[in-house]
Amino acid sequence: MSTEEAKQGNRLAPIRSHRADGRFTSTAGWVHHRLKTLRPALAFDPRMTADEFLAWKREVRRRLTRLLALPRVSLEPPPKLISDEPRDGYSLQRWELYPEPDSVLPVLLLVPDCASRSHRAPGVLCLPGTDHPNEWLAGEPDVPGTPPRRFVTQNAMALHLVRCGMVALCVENPGTASLAEPRVSDWRRQSWELVWLGTSYEALSVFHKRVALRWLRTLPMVDRRRLAACGHSLGGKPSVLLGVLEPSLRAVVWNSGAYDWRLRHVVTNLKPVAPWHYIPGFIRWFDYLDLKAALAPMPLLLSEGGRAEGLEKVRQAYALAGAPDALTVSYVPSFRDASRRTRDGEPMPEGLEQEEFLLYQNGTNDEHYFKDDVTVPWLCRALGLGRPAP
């Protein structure tokens, strides 16, 4: 069920201790209490001075670098062009990158006909949602074995961008689409095996995207001073993580709801989320609103909104950085009218189902898709292309 009416009166009982000493017999109760009372060591503090804010950003970058433990980026052997096919106004190129000695990363590169060594175009890293193959981003036909395609027009992120004169590089999520293994039925399991290997799914995802970004910078038709990371849903996290790690990026798009994941776990009674969302030790230091705050003053678009109190943290960071206008917040269609955001300011109860939690965040799963109507003109402005053609 996805409507507010369907969820009223169906709330779970909050997790509480029933002992006089406040201790928990259940492990879940203890974990819930620890998450609820945790104050991450590097959480953003709006009382910082401007100098303290800069020092905090440097420490966030250092800590994130340690948590991800990314391998060194190398473009050796050099990427290999597999095919180059003409399209209407652009070319569709299939490349292989070789991020590590034993792995291959297939990517799609969409190059507008107007881009050349003498007329360099902005470059955008296009990062998809769960199970989205590169072909969906490029508006290409389905490949065998991919799930049913939803929001066909909207989710063709790279196609929207190349038509506006941007070089669009599509990079899939680990374990999905061309990175899937037919003999392993559940690619989600690989998240735990990556932890076993001393890394995480997010770390591998960021590493792949970082390799792709470093390569994108080298292309002769790309203006390396105008690069952006644009992530939808599962691709949103690496877009922000890259923004923290790569301050030379010109802009970042987070096409998902903006909230702290620790809050989500607490108010939904530890409702399970996919294992690929976990980075060992991450939540002891910061959450995703803190990382968005650490991007300031880099232009940032939050295209599916959030709850007012959470967004205020990011706004305070951009004000502290002297760039309040560099942060843009939009919402899913149902909540673009401010009069519909009636739960802003209400205390958020515990025991919520996931769908009701999203309503408190001014979002809904039914409208979770790439917001081309908001993102494309915003990126055109952020990357110096003016307004896109209607």
Protein backbone atom coordinates (compact mmCIF):
# COMPACT_ATOMS: atom_id res chain seq x y z
CA MET A 1 0.00 0.00 0.00
CA SER A 2 1.26 3.45 -0.86
CA THR A 3 -1.40 5.98 0.19
CA GLU A 4 -1.48 7.81 3.48
CA GLU A 5 -5.01 6.55 4.19
CA ALA A 6 -3.89 2.93 3.90
CA LYS A 7 -1.22 3.44 6.53
CA GLN A 8 -3.16 5.35 9.18
CA GLY A 9 -3.89 3.21 12.20
CA ASN A 10 -1.45 0.49 11.11
CA ARG A 11 1.59 1.75 12.98
CA LEU A 12 4.01 -0.60 14.72
CA ALA A 13 4.61 -0.36 18.46
CA PRO A 14 7.87 1.54 19.14
CA ILE A 15 10.81 -0.45 20.49
CA ARG A 16 11.12 0.29 24.23
CA SER A 17 12.79 -1.32 27.22
CA HIS A 18 10.31 -2.86 29.68
CA ARG A 19 12.88 -3.17 32.45
CA ALA A 20 13.13 -0.76 35.37
CA ASP A 21 16.85 -0.28 34.71
CA GLY A 22 16.28 0.66 31.05
CA ARG A 23 18.44 -2.18 29.74
CA PHE A 24 17.47 -4.37 26.80
CA THR A 25 17.20 -8.12 26.76
CA SER A 26 16.78 -8.21 22.99
CA THR A 27 19.72 -7.48 20.72
CA ALA A 28 17.41 -5.53 18.40
CA GLY A 29 16.36 -3.32 21.30
CA TRP A 30 19.99 -2.62 22.18
CA VAL A 31 20.91 -1.85 18.54
CA HIS A 32 17.86 0.42 18.19
CA HIS A 33 18.78 2.30 21.38
CA ARG A 34 22.40 2.72 20.27
CA LEU A 35 21.33 4.12 16.91
CA LYS A 36 18.74 6.39 18.50
CA THR A 37 21.18 7.90 20.99
CA LEU A 38 24.22 7.98 18.72
CA ARG A 39 25.64 11.37 17.85
CA PRO A 40 28.07 10.92 14.93
CA ALA A 41 31.49 12.34 15.73
CA LEU A 42 31.64 14.43 12.54
CA ALA A 43 28.01 15.54 12.34
CA PHE A 44 27.61 19.02 10.86
CA ASP A 45 27.29 21.76 13.49
CA PRO A 46 25.79 25.06 12.25
CA ARG A 47 27.57 26.90 15.09
CA MET A 48 30.91 26.43 13.34
CA THR A 49 32.83 29.45 12.16
CA ALA A 50 33.75 29.67 8.48
CA ASP A 51 37.30 28.49 9.26
CA GLU A 52 36.02 25.64 11.42
CA PHE A 53 33.67 24.63 8.59
CA LEU A 54 36.59 24.34 6.15
CA ALA A 55 38.56 22.27 8.67
CA TRP A 56 35.50 20.07 9.25
CA LYS A 57 35.12 19.45 5.51
CA ARG A 58 38.75 18.36 5.27
CA GLU A 59 38.27 15.97 8.19
CA VAL A 60 35.09 14.54 6.64
CA ARG A 61 37.01 13.89 3.41
CA ARG A 62 39.87 12.22 5.30
CA ARG A 63 37.54 10.03 7.33
CA LEU A 64 35.46 9.03 4.31
CA THR A 65 38.63 8.14 2.43
CA ARG A 66 39.68 5.86 5.29
CA LEU A 67 36.25 4.22 5.58
CA LEU A 68 36.05 3.44 1.87
CA ALA A 69 39.70 2.32 1.59
CA LEU A 70 39.60 2.78 -2.18
CA PRO A 71 42.30 1.23 -4.37
CA ARG A 72 44.53 3.55 -6.35
CA VAL A 73 42.93 4.65 -9.62
CA SER A 74 44.87 3.53 -12.68
CA LEU A 75 43.99 3.83 -16.36
CA GLU A 76 46.45 1.09 -17.33
CA PRO A 77 45.84 -0.72 -19.54
CA PRO A 78 44.10 2.13 -21.36
CA PRO A 79 40.33 1.91 -21.90
CA LYS A 80 39.27 0.16 -25.10
CA LEU A 81 36.64 1.35 -27.59
CA ILE A 82 34.35 -1.58 -28.43
CA SER A 83 31.92 0.13 -30.81
CA ASP A 84 30.91 3.59 -32.04
CA GLU A 85 27.41 3.96 -33.46
CA PRO A 86 25.86 7.14 -34.90
CA ARG A 87 22.59 8.39 -33.46
CA ASP A 88 20.47 11.46 -34.16
CA GLY A 89 22.71 14.33 -33.03
CA TYR A 90 25.19 12.22 -31.06
CA SER A 91 27.22 9.03 -31.09
CA LEU A 92 26.81 6.04 -28.80
CA GLN A 93 30.14 4.52 -27.82
CA ARG A 94 30.71 1.31 -25.89
CA TRP A 95 33.96 1.19 -23.94
CA GLU A 96 35.69 -1.15 -21.55
CA LEU A 97 37.60 0.22 -18.57
CA TYR A 98 39.99 -1.94 -16.54
CA PRO A 99 39.81 -0.67 -12.95
CA GLU A 100 41.79 -3.55 -11.43
CA PRO A 101 44.03 -6.30 -12.84
CA ASP A 102 41.24 -8.88 -12.74
CA SER A 103 38.12 -6.84 -13.60
CA VAL A 104 36.37 -5.17 -16.53
CA LEU A 105 33.95 -2.23 -16.32
CA PRO A 106 31.75 -1.80 -19.44
CA VAL A 107 30.43 1.74 -19.86
CA LEU A 108 28.40 3.71 -22.40
CA LEU A 109 29.56 7.11 -23.59
CA LEU A 110 27.14 9.45 -25.37
CA VAL A 111 28.95 12.22 -27.26
CA PRO A 112 27.02 15.10 -28.85
CA ASP A 113 27.97 15.88 -32.44
CA CYS A 114 28.80 19.45 -31.38
CA ALA A 115 31.59 18.30 -29.00
CA SER A 116 35.18 18.27 -30.23
CA ARG A 117 38.72 19.11 -29.18
CA SER A 118 38.13 22.70 -30.30
CA HIS A 119 34.62 22.89 -28.79
CA ARG A 120 34.74 21.02 -25.51
CA ALA A 121 31.49 20.07 -23.80
CA PRO A 122 30.62 19.51 -20.14
CA GLY A 123 30.85 15.92 -18.95
CA VAL A 124 28.32 14.22 -16.66
CA LEU A 125 28.71 10.93 -14.85
CA CYS A 126 25.26 9.28 -15.09
CA LEU A 127 24.65 6.90 -12.18
CA PRO A 128 21.51 4.73 -12.30
CA GLY A 129 19.08 3.24 -9.82
CA THR A 130 18.90 -0.37 -8.70
CA ASP A 131 18.98 -2.89 -11.57
CA HIS A 132 19.03 -0.14 -14.21
CA PRO A 133 21.31 -1.10 -17.13
CA ASN A 134 23.25 1.49 -19.09
CA GLU A 135 20.87 1.00 -21.98
CA TRP A 136 18.01 2.47 -19.96
CA LEU A 137 20.02 5.60 -19.26
CA ALA A 138 20.84 5.92 -22.95
CA GLY A 139 17.29 5.32 -24.17
CA GLU A 140 18.43 2.19 -26.00
CA PRO A 141 16.40 -1.03 -26.48
CA ASP A 142 16.29 -3.51 -23.61
CA VAL A 143 18.92 -6.20 -23.38
CA PRO A 144 17.82 -9.78 -22.58
CA GLY A 145 17.42 -10.60 -18.91
CA THR A 146 16.79 -7.07 -17.62
CA PRO A 147 13.73 -6.37 -15.45
CA PRO A 148 10.65 -4.56 -16.79
CA ARG A 149 11.43 -0.93 -17.55
CA ARG A 150 9.53 1.77 -15.62
CA PHE A 151 9.38 5.50 -16.34
CA VAL A 152 10.93 4.89 -19.75
CA THR A 153 11.13 8.52 -20.85
CA GLN A 154 12.13 10.06 -17.51
CA ASN A 155 14.84 7.52 -16.60
CA ALA A 156 16.72 7.99 -19.90
CA MET A 157 19.08 10.32 -18.00
CA ALA A 158 22.01 10.26 -20.42
CA LEU A 159 19.80 10.74 -23.46
CA HIS A 160 18.29 13.89 -21.93
CA LEU A 161 21.74 15.28 -21.21
CA VAL A 162 23.45 14.50 -24.52
CA ARG A 163 20.60 16.18 -26.36
CA CYS A 164 21.48 19.35 -24.44
CA GLY A 165 25.12 19.20 -25.51
CA MET A 166 26.68 17.29 -22.60
CA VAL A 167 28.97 14.27 -22.85
CA ALA A 168 27.17 11.62 -20.77
CA LEU A 169 29.05 8.64 -19.29
CA CYS A 170 26.86 5.79 -17.99
CA VAL A 171 28.24 3.53 -15.24
CA GLU A 172 26.15 0.68 -13.83
CA ASN A 173 26.03 -0.43 -10.21
CA PRO A 174 28.15 -3.43 -9.17
CA GLY A 175 26.56 -6.83 -9.63
CA THR A 176 23.79 -5.55 -11.94
CA ALA A 177 23.10 -5.55 -15.68
CA SER A 178 26.37 -6.09 -17.60
CA LEU A 179 28.18 -6.56 -14.25
CA ALA A 180 25.85 -9.42 -13.23
CA GLU A 181 26.82 -13.09 -13.02
CA PRO A 182 24.12 -15.46 -14.39
CA ARG A 183 25.33 -18.28 -12.12
CA VAL A 184 24.72 -16.16 -9.00
CA SER A 185 20.97 -15.71 -8.66
CA ASP A 186 21.07 -13.05 -5.93
CA TRP A 187 23.63 -10.32 -6.62
CA ARG A 188 22.72 -8.71 -3.28
CA ARG A 189 24.60 -11.51 -1.54
CA GLN A 190 27.82 -10.09 -2.93
CA SER A 191 27.45 -7.14 -0.54
CA TRP A 192 28.30 -9.48 2.36
CA GLU A 193 31.14 -11.12 0.48
CA LEU A 194 32.63 -7.70 -0.20
CA VAL A 195 32.52 -7.03 3.55
CA TRP A 196 34.26 -10.38 4.01
CA LEU A 197 36.98 -9.11 1.68
CA GLY A 198 37.42 -6.01 3.82
CA THR A 199 35.49 -3.56 1.62
CA SER A 200 31.81 -2.80 0.90
CA TYR A 201 29.37 -2.52 -1.98
CA GLU A 202 29.35 1.28 -1.70
CA ALA A 203 33.15 1.38 -1.74
CA LEU A 204 33.32 -0.76 -4.89
CA SER A 205 30.61 1.37 -6.51
CA VAL A 206 32.45 4.61 -5.70
CA PHE A 207 35.74 3.13 -6.92
CA HIS A 208 34.20 2.20 -10.28
CA LYS A 209 32.67 5.66 -10.66
CA ARG A 210 35.92 7.34 -9.64
CA VAL A 211 37.82 5.39 -12.31
CA ALA A 212 35.19 6.46 -14.85
CA LEU A 213 35.36 10.10 -13.73
CA ARG A 214 39.14 10.19 -13.96
CA TRP A 215 38.88 8.80 -17.51
CA LEU A 216 36.13 11.26 -18.46
CA ARG A 217 38.49 14.10 -17.53
CA THR A 218 41.03 12.90 -20.09
CA LEU A 219 38.72 12.85 -23.12
CA PRO A 220 39.66 15.49 -25.70
CA MET A 221 36.07 16.63 -26.29
CA VAL A 222 35.33 17.11 -22.57
CA ASP A 223 35.84 20.32 -20.61
CA ARG A 224 37.42 19.01 -17.41
CA ARG A 225 36.46 22.24 -15.60
CA ARG A 226 32.76 21.42 -16.12
CA LEU A 227 32.15 17.94 -14.72
CA ALA A 228 29.16 16.76 -12.72
CA ALA A 229 27.95 13.59 -11.00
CA CYS A 230 24.25 12.87 -11.41
CA GLY A 231 22.81 9.95 -9.44
CA HIS A 232 19.31 8.50 -9.31
CA SER A 233 18.22 6.36 -6.34
CA LEU A 234 21.03 3.81 -5.69
CA GLY A 235 23.25 6.01 -7.85
CA GLY A 236 22.65 9.00 -5.59
CA LYS A 237 25.01 7.84 -2.86
CA PRO A 238 28.12 7.51 -5.05
CA SER A 239 27.32 10.90 -6.61
CA VAL A 240 27.51 12.56 -3.18
CA LEU A 241 30.47 10.46 -2.00
CA LEU A 242 32.37 11.43 -5.14
CA GLY A 243 31.44 15.06 -4.55
CA VAL A 244 33.12 14.89 -1.13
CA LEU A 245 36.16 13.04 -2.44
CA GLU A 246 36.55 14.99 -5.69
CA PRO A 247 36.08 18.70 -4.91
CA SER A 248 37.00 19.57 -8.52
CA LEU A 249 33.50 18.43 -9.56
CA ARG A 250 31.39 21.37 -10.67
CA ALA A 251 27.99 20.06 -9.51
CA VAL A 252 26.19 17.09 -7.92
CA VAL A 253 22.63 15.81 -8.35
CA TRP A 254 20.98 13.63 -5.69
CA ASN A 255 17.81 12.30 -7.32
CA SER A 256 16.22 10.70 -4.27
CA GLY A 257 14.75 11.70 -0.95
CA ALA A 258 17.20 13.57 1.29
CA TYR A 259 17.24 12.28 4.86
CA ASP A 260 19.49 10.67 7.43
CA TRP A 261 19.52 6.89 7.22
CA ARG A 262 20.01 6.50 10.96
CA LEU A 263 16.68 8.30 11.48
CA ARG A 264 15.01 5.98 8.99
CA HIS A 265 16.23 2.91 10.86
CA VAL A 266 15.13 4.27 14.25
CA VAL A 267 11.59 5.36 13.31
CA THR A 268 10.87 2.20 11.28
CA ASN A 269 11.89 -0.22 14.08
CA LEU A 270 15.00 -1.35 12.15
CA LYS A 271 13.02 -2.31 9.05
CA PRO A 272 15.43 -4.19 6.80
CA VAL A 273 17.06 -2.26 3.99
CA ALA A 274 19.23 -3.69 1.26
CA PRO A 275 22.70 -4.81 2.45
CA TRP A 276 24.48 -2.69 -0.16
CA HIS A 277 23.64 0.47 1.82
CA TYR A 278 26.08 -0.34 4.63
CA ILE A 279 29.66 0.88 4.97
CA PRO A 280 31.37 -0.58 8.08
CA GLY A 281 31.81 2.09 10.75
CA PHE A 282 30.15 4.80 8.63
CA ILE A 283 27.39 5.89 10.98
CA ARG A 284 29.78 6.50 13.88
CA TRP A 285 31.15 9.50 11.96
CA PHE A 286 28.42 11.07 9.82
CA ASP A 287 25.21 10.47 7.89
CA TYR A 288 24.15 11.47 4.38
CA LEU A 289 22.77 14.89 5.29
CA ASP A 290 26.17 15.64 6.83
CA LEU A 291 27.88 14.62 3.59
CA LYS A 292 25.53 16.85 1.60
CA ALA A 293 26.43 19.68 3.96
CA ALA A 294 30.11 18.93 3.32
CA LEU A 295 29.60 19.62 -0.40
CA ALA A 296 28.97 23.33 0.20
CA PRO A 297 29.59 25.57 -1.75
CA MET A 298 29.51 23.08 -4.68
CA PRO A 299 26.17 23.41 -6.54
CA LEU A 300 23.85 20.64 -5.30
CA LEU A 301 20.39 19.66 -6.50
CA LEU A 302 18.11 17.61 -4.23
CA SER A 303 15.40 16.77 -6.73
CA GLU A 304 13.06 14.69 -4.55
CA GLY A 305 13.00 16.94 -1.50
CA GLY A 306 12.89 15.82 2.08
CA ARG A 307 11.69 16.87 5.50
CA ALA A 308 12.12 20.56 6.39
CA GLU A 309 14.26 19.97 9.49
CA GLY A 310 16.68 17.73 7.61
CA LEU A 311 16.96 20.08 4.66
CA GLU A 312 17.61 22.95 7.05
CA LYS A 313 20.90 21.32 8.07
CA VAL A 314 22.10 21.40 4.46
CA ARG A 315 20.82 24.95 3.97
CA GLN A 316 22.74 26.10 7.03
CA ALA A 317 25.94 24.63 5.61
CA TYR A 318 25.47 26.43 2.30
CA ALA A 319 24.76 29.68 4.13
CA LEU A 320 27.90 29.18 6.22
CA ALA A 321 29.88 28.62 3.00
CA GLY A 322 28.53 31.92 1.65
CA ALA A 323 26.63 30.20 -1.19
CA PRO A 324 22.97 29.77 -0.18
CA ASP A 325 21.84 29.91 -3.82
CA ALA A 326 24.10 26.97 -4.76
CA LEU A 327 21.63 24.58 -3.07
CA THR A 328 18.43 23.81 -4.96
CA VAL A 329 15.62 21.72 -3.49
CA SER A 330 12.73 20.35 -5.54
CA TYR A 331 10.13 17.72 -4.68
CA VAL A 332 8.22 14.84 -6.21
CA PRO A 333 5.12 16.16 -8.02
CA SER A 334 2.70 15.36 -5.18
CA PHE A 335 4.65 17.58 -2.78
CA ARG A 336 5.82 20.44 -4.99
CA ASP A 337 2.98 22.56 -3.67
CA ALA A 338 4.12 23.67 -0.20
CA SER A 339 0.56 23.36 1.10
CA ARG A 340 0.84 19.58 0.66
CA ARG A 341 3.87 19.31 2.95
CA THR A 342 1.68 19.30 6.05
CA ARG A 343 3.92 17.04 8.15
CA ASP A 344 6.87 19.41 8.20
CA GLY A 345 7.26 20.49 11.81
CA GLU A 346 5.26 17.56 13.21
CA PRO A 347 7.15 15.24 15.56
CA MET A 348 8.01 12.05 13.70
CA PRO A 349 6.69 9.02 15.61
CA GLU A 350 8.47 5.71 15.88
CA GLY A 351 7.03 2.47 14.57
CA LEU A 352 6.43 3.74 11.02
CA GLU A 353 6.14 1.51 8.00
CA GLN A 354 8.45 2.46 5.14
CA GLU A 355 5.71 4.05 3.05
CA GLU A 356 4.56 6.26 5.92
CA PHE A 357 8.14 7.25 6.65
CA LEU A 358 8.41 8.49 3.06
CA LEU A 359 5.25 10.55 3.53
CA TYR A 360 6.87 12.24 6.52
CA GLN A 361 9.78 12.98 4.16
CA ASN A 362 7.42 14.49 1.58
CA GLY A 363 8.06 11.63 -0.81
CA THR A 364 6.47 8.53 -2.27
CA ASN A 365 7.75 5.42 -4.05
CA ASP A 366 5.14 5.90 -6.78
CA GLU A 367 6.93 9.06 -7.96
CA HIS A 368 10.51 7.88 -7.56
CA TYR A 369 12.13 8.36 -10.97
CA PHE A 370 14.74 10.61 -12.58
CA LYS A 371 13.34 14.15 -12.51
CA ASP A 372 14.40 15.22 -16.00
CA ASP A 373 12.08 18.24 -15.92
CA VAL A 374 14.02 19.68 -12.96
CA THR A 375 17.51 18.21 -13.37
CA VAL A 376 18.19 18.91 -17.04
CA PRO A 377 17.67 22.70 -16.91
CA TRP A 378 19.47 22.85 -13.54
CA LEU A 379 22.54 21.06 -14.94
CA CYS A 380 22.50 23.25 -18.04
CA ARG A 381 22.75 26.31 -15.81
CA ALA A 382 25.27 24.77 -13.40
CA LEU A 383 27.56 23.70 -16.27
CA GLY A 384 27.27 26.93 -18.23
CA LEU A 385 25.04 25.78 -21.08
CA GLY A 386 22.19 28.23 -20.52
CA ARG A 387 18.63 27.00 -20.91
CA PRO A 388 17.93 23.79 -22.83
CA ALA A 389 15.83 23.87 -25.95
CA PRO A 390 12.12 23.12 -25.33
